[in-house]
Amino acid sequence: MVGPLSYLGGKNRLARKIISLIPQHTTYVEPFCGGAQVFFHKEPSEVEILNDLNDDIFNFLRVCKLHHAELVRCLDYCIASRRWFDLFEKTPPETLTDIQRAARFFFLQKNCYGGLIVRRNFTVSIEDGSNYNPASLPKLLERAHERLLNVQLECLPYEKVLQKCDRAETFFYLDPPYFNRPYYKFNMEEKDYVAMAVLLAQLKGRFLLSLNDTPETRRIFSDFEIRTLQLVYSSQRTAGKRYNELLIANYKLPQ
């Protein structure tokens, strides 16, 4: 199934390829879950943990898991328009209830360009119309609710999640902020990726990491298995342009 949340760098198009590379495991962990498209596409594991330091993402997933019907009712009143978008964007999330905050976040992500977290702009496709369809929300959020029922949700720094969950039978899928792309709520610098590589080298479990292809990322993670995937941008502004995505692992990736 497709996850409900639109998010910058979401892996909707790559999910099936990534899933085909996941080894056998008991515990599945996403330390940077974002829109969690790989999680929503894959079959359930025995134990599953989704983590994101962004408290809006954590709150949305928690509300979707525990109060999806109330979330749908809240979204029933929202109309895909620039006026509603600007109103939500200007509303401080800390002034809202958890359900209202989840509705605000979901609405903004569905109606902004590229699933951006910062510097959002309202957008509607001339060809396809709005990405926000109230009629589809009950089924979409009901399916997400059912998928999340047995999932543990966390809002922690990824380092703590690695430490807490690391076992020989654990598989980590990491989808951190892209290198040199300051579009996230919590961005990372080169030294942060260097520190990440050190932590990943110490894992007992196995991991698969997605990153953009740059000389820096190839150098930092050169001690691991690296596979290059060539993709094509689908957004209106960059349609047809090609780019590379790196898949980095501490195990032999199947062909």
C-alpha atoms as a PDB file:
ATOM      1  CA  MET A   1       0.000   0.000   0.000  1.00  0.00           C
ATOM      2  CA  VAL A   2       1.016   3.634  -0.495  1.00  0.00           C
ATOM      3  CA  GLY A   3       1.610   5.596   2.692  1.00  0.00           C
ATOM      4  CA  PRO A   4      -0.690   8.545   3.358  1.00  0.00           C
ATOM      5  CA  LEU A   5       1.959  11.222   3.866  1.00  0.00           C
ATOM      6  CA  SER A   6       3.602  13.257   1.103  1.00  0.00           C
ATOM      7  CA  TYR A   7       7.180  13.987   2.136  1.00  0.00           C
ATOM      8  CA  LEU A   8      10.378  15.408   0.678  1.00  0.00           C
ATOM      9  CA  GLY A   9      12.557  12.614  -0.692  1.00  0.00           C
ATOM     10  CA  GLY A  10       9.802  10.032  -0.250  1.00  0.00           C
ATOM     11  CA  LYS A  11      10.630   6.561  -1.562  1.00  0.00           C
ATOM     12  CA  ASN A  12       7.329   5.723  -3.239  1.00  0.00           C
ATOM     13  CA  ARG A  13       8.961   4.982  -6.596  1.00  0.00           C
ATOM     14  CA  LEU A  14      11.943   3.199  -5.046  1.00  0.00           C
ATOM     15  CA  ALA A  15      10.077   1.222  -2.393  1.00  0.00           C
ATOM     16  CA  ARG A  16       9.719  -2.059  -4.275  1.00  0.00           C
ATOM     17  CA  LYS A  17      13.389  -2.041  -5.307  1.00  0.00           C
ATOM     18  CA  ILE A  18      14.498  -1.351  -1.735  1.00  0.00           C
ATOM     19  CA  ILE A  19      12.212  -4.075  -0.370  1.00  0.00           C
ATOM     20  CA  SER A  20      13.741  -6.596  -2.792  1.00  0.00           C
ATOM     21  CA  LEU A  21      17.130  -5.925  -1.160  1.00  0.00           C
ATOM     22  CA  ILE A  22      16.011  -6.363   2.459  1.00  0.00           C
ATOM     23  CA  PRO A  23      17.503  -9.499   4.093  1.00  0.00           C
ATOM     24  CA  GLN A  24      15.696 -11.803   6.494  1.00  0.00           C
ATOM     25  CA  HIS A  25      15.140 -10.221   9.886  1.00  0.00           C
ATOM     26  CA  THR A  26      12.928 -10.276  12.961  1.00  0.00           C
ATOM     27  CA  THR A  27      12.898  -6.570  13.824  1.00  0.00           C
ATOM     28  CA  TYR A  28      12.446  -3.806  11.233  1.00  0.00           C
ATOM     29  CA  VAL A  29      13.506  -0.263  12.176  1.00  0.00           C
ATOM     30  CA  GLU A  30      13.356   3.073  10.344  1.00  0.00           C
ATOM     31  CA  PRO A  31      15.379   5.683  12.304  1.00  0.00           C
ATOM     32  CA  PHE A  32      14.440   8.451   9.813  1.00  0.00           C
ATOM     33  CA  CYS A  33      10.973   7.335   8.773  1.00  0.00           C
ATOM     34  CA  GLY A  34       9.624  10.548   7.178  1.00  0.00           C
ATOM     35  CA  GLY A  35       6.700   9.441   5.025  1.00  0.00           C
ATOM     36  CA  ALA A  36       7.666   5.779   5.696  1.00  0.00           C
ATOM     37  CA  GLN A  37       6.846   4.645   2.156  1.00  0.00           C
ATOM     38  CA  VAL A  38       9.108   1.581   2.353  1.00  0.00           C
ATOM     39  CA  PHE A  39       7.363   0.522   5.576  1.00  0.00           C
ATOM     40  CA  PHE A  40       3.897   0.964   4.076  1.00  0.00           C
ATOM     41  CA  HIS A  41       4.810  -0.942   0.908  1.00  0.00           C
ATOM     42  CA  LYS A  42       6.435  -3.930   2.631  1.00  0.00           C
ATOM     43  CA  GLU A  43       4.859  -6.908   4.359  1.00  0.00           C
ATOM     44  CA  PRO A  44       4.771  -6.621   8.164  1.00  0.00           C
ATOM     45  CA  SER A  45       7.755  -7.858  10.153  1.00  0.00           C
ATOM     46  CA  GLU A  46       7.492  -9.561  13.541  1.00  0.00           C
ATOM     47  CA  VAL A  47       8.566  -6.339  15.294  1.00  0.00           C
ATOM     48  CA  GLU A  48       8.436  -2.887  13.656  1.00  0.00           C
ATOM     49  CA  ILE A  49       9.678   0.482  14.913  1.00  0.00           C
ATOM     50  CA  LEU A  50       9.260   3.844  13.189  1.00  0.00           C
ATOM     51  CA  ASN A  51      11.201   6.833  14.460  1.00  0.00           C
ATOM     52  CA  ASP A  52      11.522  10.453  13.403  1.00  0.00           C
ATOM     53  CA  LEU A  53      12.934  13.405  15.294  1.00  0.00           C
ATOM     54  CA  ASN A  54      10.374  15.671  13.608  1.00  0.00           C
ATOM     55  CA  ASP A  55       7.572  15.823  16.169  1.00  0.00           C
ATOM     56  CA  ASP A  56       4.991  16.686  13.487  1.00  0.00           C
ATOM     57  CA  ILE A  57       5.694  13.362  11.772  1.00  0.00           C
ATOM     58  CA  PHE A  58       5.618  11.494  15.079  1.00  0.00           C
ATOM     59  CA  ASN A  59       2.345  13.165  16.087  1.00  0.00           C
ATOM     60  CA  PHE A  60       0.712  12.458  12.709  1.00  0.00           C
ATOM     61  CA  LEU A  61       1.610   8.756  12.832  1.00  0.00           C
ATOM     62  CA  ARG A  62       0.478   8.456  16.460  1.00  0.00           C
ATOM     63  CA  VAL A  63      -2.869  10.143  15.729  1.00  0.00           C
ATOM     64  CA  CYS A  64      -3.325   8.012  12.610  1.00  0.00           C
ATOM     65  CA  LYS A  65      -2.663   4.915  14.718  1.00  0.00           C
ATOM     66  CA  LEU A  66      -4.916   5.838  17.661  1.00  0.00           C
ATOM     67  CA  HIS A  67      -7.473   8.419  16.453  1.00  0.00           C
ATOM     68  CA  HIS A  68      -7.804   8.051  12.690  1.00  0.00           C
ATOM     69  CA  ALA A  69     -11.604   8.510  12.677  1.00  0.00           C
ATOM     70  CA  GLU A  70     -11.307  11.841  14.506  1.00  0.00           C
ATOM     71  CA  LEU A  71      -8.547  12.859  12.100  1.00  0.00           C
ATOM     72  CA  VAL A  72     -10.818  12.153   9.122  1.00  0.00           C
ATOM     73  CA  ARG A  73     -13.618  14.216  10.689  1.00  0.00           C
ATOM     74  CA  CYS A  74     -11.226  17.108  11.233  1.00  0.00           C
ATOM     75  CA  LEU A  75     -10.043  16.970   7.619  1.00  0.00           C
ATOM     76  CA  ASP A  76     -13.647  16.900   6.355  1.00  0.00           C
ATOM     77  CA  TYR A  77     -13.789  20.646   6.959  1.00  0.00           C
ATOM     78  CA  CYS A  78     -10.642  21.432   4.937  1.00  0.00           C
ATOM     79  CA  ILE A  79     -10.750  22.611   1.339  1.00  0.00           C
ATOM     80  CA  ALA A  80      -7.766  22.491  -1.023  1.00  0.00           C
ATOM     81  CA  SER A  81      -7.270  26.214  -1.545  1.00  0.00           C
ATOM     82  CA  ARG A  82      -4.507  28.762  -1.152  1.00  0.00           C
ATOM     83  CA  ARG A  83      -6.474  30.547   1.584  1.00  0.00           C
ATOM     84  CA  TRP A  84      -6.739  27.388   3.712  1.00  0.00           C
ATOM     85  CA  PHE A  85      -3.084  26.595   3.024  1.00  0.00           C
ATOM     86  CA  ASP A  86      -1.901  30.042   4.141  1.00  0.00           C
ATOM     87  CA  LEU A  87      -4.108  29.860   7.247  1.00  0.00           C
ATOM     88  CA  PHE A  88      -2.631  26.512   8.295  1.00  0.00           C
ATOM     89  CA  GLU A  89       0.907  27.597   7.485  1.00  0.00           C
ATOM     90  CA  LYS A  90       0.558  30.648   9.750  1.00  0.00           C
ATOM     91  CA  THR A  91      -1.030  28.696  12.611  1.00  0.00           C
ATOM     92  CA  PRO A  92       1.535  27.702  15.294  1.00  0.00           C
ATOM     93  CA  PRO A  93       1.154  23.906  15.744  1.00  0.00           C
ATOM     94  CA  GLU A  94       1.712  24.179  19.490  1.00  0.00           C
ATOM     95  CA  THR A  95      -1.613  26.060  19.780  1.00  0.00           C
ATOM     96  CA  LEU A  96      -3.555  23.047  18.451  1.00  0.00           C
ATOM     97  CA  THR A  97      -4.720  19.737  19.866  1.00  0.00           C
ATOM     98  CA  ASP A  98      -2.817  16.644  18.719  1.00  0.00           C
ATOM     99  CA  ILE A  99      -5.582  15.766  16.232  1.00  0.00           C
ATOM    100  CA  GLN A 100      -5.781  19.312  14.868  1.00  0.00           C
ATOM    101  CA  ARG A 101      -2.003  19.403  14.583  1.00  0.00           C
ATOM    102  CA  ALA A 102      -1.980  16.121  12.665  1.00  0.00           C
ATOM    103  CA  ALA A 103      -4.684  17.450  10.317  1.00  0.00           C
ATOM    104  CA  ARG A 104      -2.715  20.665   9.762  1.00  0.00           C
ATOM    105  CA  PHE A 105       0.492  18.779   8.960  1.00  0.00           C
ATOM    106  CA  PHE A 106      -1.227  16.311   6.645  1.00  0.00           C
ATOM    107  CA  PHE A 107      -3.055  19.096   4.763  1.00  0.00           C
ATOM    108  CA  LEU A 108       0.111  21.147   4.286  1.00  0.00           C
ATOM    109  CA  GLN A 109       2.139  18.170   3.072  1.00  0.00           C
ATOM    110  CA  LYS A 110      -0.561  17.120   0.604  1.00  0.00           C
ATOM    111  CA  ASN A 111      -0.901  20.606  -0.852  1.00  0.00           C
ATOM    112  CA  CYS A 112       2.689  21.836  -1.009  1.00  0.00           C
ATOM    113  CA  TYR A 113       5.251  21.406  -3.762  1.00  0.00           C
ATOM    114  CA  GLY A 114       7.431  18.327  -3.405  1.00  0.00           C
ATOM    115  CA  GLY A 115       6.393  17.474   0.167  1.00  0.00           C
ATOM    116  CA  LEU A 116       8.669  20.200   1.535  1.00  0.00           C
ATOM    117  CA  ILE A 117       8.875  20.672   5.295  1.00  0.00           C
ATOM    118  CA  VAL A 118      10.290  24.221   5.229  1.00  0.00           C
ATOM    119  CA  ARG A 119       9.480  27.109   2.888  1.00  0.00           C
ATOM    120  CA  ARG A 120       6.302  25.396   1.734  1.00  0.00           C
ATOM    121  CA  ASN A 121       4.349  26.778  -1.233  1.00  0.00           C
ATOM    122  CA  PHE A 122       0.795  25.900  -2.206  1.00  0.00           C
ATOM    123  CA  THR A 123       0.660  24.019  -5.497  1.00  0.00           C
ATOM    124  CA  VAL A 124      -1.971  22.474  -7.755  1.00  0.00           C
ATOM    125  CA  SER A 125      -1.110  20.518 -10.896  1.00  0.00           C
ATOM    126  CA  ILE A 126      -2.663  22.014 -14.024  1.00  0.00           C
ATOM    127  CA  GLU A 127      -2.927  18.522 -15.509  1.00  0.00           C
ATOM    128  CA  ASP A 128      -3.815  16.409 -12.455  1.00  0.00           C
ATOM    129  CA  GLY A 129      -5.502  18.875 -10.117  1.00  0.00           C
ATOM    130  CA  SER A 130      -5.038  18.844  -6.348  1.00  0.00           C
ATOM    131  CA  ASN A 131      -3.132  16.087  -4.564  1.00  0.00           C
ATOM    132  CA  TYR A 132      -5.635  16.480  -1.722  1.00  0.00           C
ATOM    133  CA  ASN A 133      -8.848  14.515  -2.228  1.00  0.00           C
ATOM    134  CA  PRO A 134     -11.190  14.506   0.822  1.00  0.00           C
ATOM    135  CA  ALA A 135     -13.277  11.676  -0.671  1.00  0.00           C
ATOM    136  CA  SER A 136     -10.304   9.291  -0.535  1.00  0.00           C
ATOM    137  CA  LEU A 137      -9.246  10.156   3.021  1.00  0.00           C
ATOM    138  CA  PRO A 138     -11.412   7.686   5.016  1.00  0.00           C
ATOM    139  CA  LYS A 139     -10.076   4.651   3.146  1.00  0.00           C
ATOM    140  CA  LEU A 140      -6.513   6.001   2.964  1.00  0.00           C
ATOM    141  CA  LEU A 141      -6.278   6.742   6.683  1.00  0.00           C
ATOM    142  CA  GLU A 142      -8.163   3.576   7.691  1.00  0.00           C
ATOM    143  CA  ARG A 143      -5.596   1.454   5.842  1.00  0.00           C
ATOM    144  CA  ALA A 144      -2.727   3.402   7.387  1.00  0.00           C
ATOM    145  CA  HIS A 145      -4.329   3.004  10.831  1.00  0.00           C
ATOM    146  CA  GLU A 146      -4.566  -0.769  10.414  1.00  0.00           C
ATOM    147  CA  ARG A 147      -0.949  -0.988   9.228  1.00  0.00           C
ATOM    148  CA  LEU A 148       0.279   1.048  12.218  1.00  0.00           C
ATOM    149  CA  LEU A 149      -1.623  -0.816  14.936  1.00  0.00           C
ATOM    150  CA  ASN A 150       1.265  -3.051  16.034  1.00  0.00           C
ATOM    151  CA  VAL A 151       4.047  -0.565  15.324  1.00  0.00           C
ATOM    152  CA  GLN A 152       6.147   1.125  17.994  1.00  0.00           C
ATOM    153  CA  LEU A 153       6.523   4.862  17.337  1.00  0.00           C
ATOM    154  CA  GLU A 154       9.438   6.926  18.619  1.00  0.00           C
ATOM    155  CA  CYS A 155      10.608  10.559  18.414  1.00  0.00           C
ATOM    156  CA  LEU A 156      14.299  10.236  19.231  1.00  0.00           C
ATOM    157  CA  PRO A 157      17.698  11.106  17.757  1.00  0.00           C
ATOM    158  CA  TYR A 158      18.605   8.334  15.339  1.00  0.00           C
ATOM    159  CA  GLU A 159      21.725   7.472  17.374  1.00  0.00           C
ATOM    160  CA  LYS A 160      19.573   6.434  20.329  1.00  0.00           C
ATOM    161  CA  VAL A 161      17.400   4.287  18.068  1.00  0.00           C
ATOM    162  CA  LEU A 162      20.443   2.474  16.675  1.00  0.00           C
ATOM    163  CA  GLN A 163      21.720   1.831  20.182  1.00  0.00           C
ATOM    164  CA  LYS A 164      18.337   0.773  21.550  1.00  0.00           C
ATOM    165  CA  CYS A 165      17.364  -1.584  18.719  1.00  0.00           C
ATOM    166  CA  ASP A 166      20.647  -3.104  17.580  1.00  0.00           C
ATOM    167  CA  ARG A 167      20.528  -6.905  17.589  1.00  0.00           C
ATOM    168  CA  ALA A 168      21.826  -9.504  15.169  1.00  0.00           C
ATOM    169  CA  GLU A 169      18.260 -10.074  13.936  1.00  0.00           C
ATOM    170  CA  THR A 170      17.510  -6.346  13.429  1.00  0.00           C
ATOM    171  CA  PHE A 171      17.339  -4.680  10.029  1.00  0.00           C
ATOM    172  CA  PHE A 172      17.622  -0.892   9.804  1.00  0.00           C
ATOM    173  CA  TYR A 173      16.425   1.063   6.773  1.00  0.00           C
ATOM    174  CA  LEU A 174      17.859   4.581   6.991  1.00  0.00           C
ATOM    175  CA  ASP A 175      16.630   7.455   4.850  1.00  0.00           C
ATOM    176  CA  PRO A 176      18.329  10.521   6.376  1.00  0.00           C
ATOM    177  CA  PRO A 177      18.292  14.071   4.984  1.00  0.00           C
ATOM    178  CA  TYR A 178      20.101  14.250   1.662  1.00  0.00           C
ATOM    179  CA  PHE A 179      23.649  15.561   1.692  1.00  0.00           C
ATOM    180  CA  ASN A 180      23.861  19.334   1.125  1.00  0.00           C
ATOM    181  CA  ARG A 181      20.067  19.683   0.807  1.00  0.00           C
ATOM    182  CA  PRO A 182      18.948  22.115   3.556  1.00  0.00           C
ATOM    183  CA  TYR A 183      15.221  21.517   3.106  1.00  0.00           C
ATOM    184  CA  TYR A 184      14.461  19.527   6.244  1.00  0.00           C
ATOM    185  CA  LYS A 185      13.468  20.504   9.760  1.00  0.00           C
ATOM    186  CA  PHE A 186      16.685  18.879  10.995  1.00  0.00           C
ATOM    187  CA  ASN A 187      19.483  19.097   8.441  1.00  0.00           C
ATOM    188  CA  MET A 188      22.851  17.336   8.571  1.00  0.00           C
ATOM    189  CA  GLU A 189      26.394  18.526   7.888  1.00  0.00           C
ATOM    190  CA  GLU A 190      29.292  16.520   6.507  1.00  0.00           C
ATOM    191  CA  LYS A 191      30.621  15.762   9.999  1.00  0.00           C
ATOM    192  CA  ASP A 192      27.222  14.253  10.880  1.00  0.00           C
ATOM    193  CA  TYR A 193      27.447  11.759   8.020  1.00  0.00           C
ATOM    194  CA  VAL A 194      31.000  10.890   9.066  1.00  0.00           C
ATOM    195  CA  ALA A 195      29.727  10.184  12.588  1.00  0.00           C
ATOM    196  CA  MET A 196      26.880   8.127  11.111  1.00  0.00           C
ATOM    197  CA  ALA A 197      29.325   5.977   9.139  1.00  0.00           C
ATOM    198  CA  VAL A 198      31.256   5.246  12.347  1.00  0.00           C
ATOM    199  CA  LEU A 199      28.074   4.180  14.164  1.00  0.00           C
ATOM    200  CA  LEU A 200      26.875   2.025  11.270  1.00  0.00           C
ATOM    201  CA  ALA A 201      30.203   0.194  11.138  1.00  0.00           C
ATOM    202  CA  GLN A 202      29.645  -0.924  14.736  1.00  0.00           C
ATOM    203  CA  LEU A 203      26.161  -2.422  14.221  1.00  0.00           C
ATOM    204  CA  LYS A 204      25.450  -6.055  15.012  1.00  0.00           C
ATOM    205  CA  GLY A 205      22.401  -5.943  12.747  1.00  0.00           C
ATOM    206  CA  ARG A 206      22.228  -5.143   9.057  1.00  0.00           C
ATOM    207  CA  PHE A 207      21.329  -1.842   7.443  1.00  0.00           C
ATOM    208  CA  LEU A 208      20.438  -0.312   4.105  1.00  0.00           C
ATOM    209  CA  LEU A 209      20.957   3.434   3.695  1.00  0.00           C
ATOM    210  CA  SER A 210      19.562   5.718   0.956  1.00  0.00           C
ATOM    211  CA  LEU A 211      21.464   8.882   0.024  1.00  0.00           C
ATOM    212  CA  ASN A 212      21.990  11.210  -2.895  1.00  0.00           C
ATOM    213  CA  ASP A 213      25.062  10.523  -5.016  1.00  0.00           C
ATOM    214  CA  THR A 214      27.878  12.997  -4.331  1.00  0.00           C
ATOM    215  CA  PRO A 215      31.671  12.648  -4.115  1.00  0.00           C
ATOM    216  CA  GLU A 216      31.376  13.296  -0.372  1.00  0.00           C
ATOM    217  CA  THR A 217      28.813  10.582   0.318  1.00  0.00           C
ATOM    218  CA  ARG A 218      30.784   8.058  -1.754  1.00  0.00           C
ATOM    219  CA  ARG A 219      33.943   8.891   0.185  1.00  0.00           C
ATOM    220  CA  ILE A 220      32.326   8.841   3.636  1.00  0.00           C
ATOM    221  CA  PHE A 221      30.640   5.464   3.102  1.00  0.00           C
ATOM    222  CA  SER A 222      33.341   3.877   0.920  1.00  0.00           C
ATOM    223  CA  ASP A 223      33.901   1.022   3.399  1.00  0.00           C
ATOM    224  CA  PHE A 224      30.406  -0.330   2.733  1.00  0.00           C
ATOM    225  CA  GLU A 225      28.693  -1.976  -0.208  1.00  0.00           C
ATOM    226  CA  ILE A 226      27.370   0.735  -2.563  1.00  0.00           C
ATOM    227  CA  ARG A 227      24.898   0.368  -5.411  1.00  0.00           C
ATOM    228  CA  THR A 228      23.901   3.170  -7.769  1.00  0.00           C
ATOM    229  CA  LEU A 229      20.365   3.574  -9.059  1.00  0.00           C
ATOM    230  CA  GLN A 230      19.575   6.024 -11.866  1.00  0.00           C
ATOM    231  CA  LEU A 231      16.192   7.709 -11.572  1.00  0.00           C
ATOM    232  CA  VAL A 232      14.253  10.358 -13.463  1.00  0.00           C
ATOM    233  CA  TYR A 233      12.641  13.352 -11.791  1.00  0.00           C
ATOM    234  CA  SER A 234       8.858  13.392 -12.222  1.00  0.00           C
ATOM    235  CA  SER A 235       8.029  16.839 -10.789  1.00  0.00           C
ATOM    236  CA  GLN A 236       6.820  19.548 -13.157  1.00  0.00           C
ATOM    237  CA  ARG A 237       9.884  21.734 -12.592  1.00  0.00           C
ATOM    238  CA  THR A 238      12.516  19.061 -13.262  1.00  0.00           C
ATOM    239  CA  ALA A 239      10.641  16.428 -15.287  1.00  0.00           C
ATOM    240  CA  GLY A 240      12.943  14.262 -17.395  1.00  0.00           C
ATOM    241  CA  LYS A 241      16.186  15.120 -15.582  1.00  0.00           C
ATOM    242  CA  ARG A 242      18.192  12.130 -14.383  1.00  0.00           C
ATOM    243  CA  TYR A 243      19.825  11.733 -10.992  1.00  0.00           C
ATOM    244  CA  ASN A 244      21.559   9.001  -9.034  1.00  0.00           C
ATOM    245  CA  GLU A 245      20.507   7.501  -5.716  1.00  0.00           C
ATOM    246  CA  LEU A 246      22.975   5.515  -3.630  1.00  0.00           C
ATOM    247  CA  LEU A 247      21.985   2.401  -1.700  1.00  0.00           C
ATOM    248  CA  ILE A 248      24.613   1.664   0.945  1.00  0.00           C
ATOM    249  CA  ALA A 249      24.687  -1.540   3.011  1.00  0.00           C
ATOM    250  CA  ASN A 250      26.800  -3.609   5.396  1.00  0.00           C
ATOM    251  CA  TYR A 251      25.920  -6.840   3.576  1.00  0.00           C
ATOM    252  CA  LYS A 252      26.174  -8.169   0.039  1.00  0.00           C
ATOM    253  CA  LEU A 253      23.297  -6.715  -1.956  1.00  0.00           C
ATOM    254  CA  PRO A 254      21.502  -9.257  -4.171  1.00  0.00           C
ATOM    255  CA  GLN A 255      21.413  -8.576  -7.890  1.00  0.00           C
END
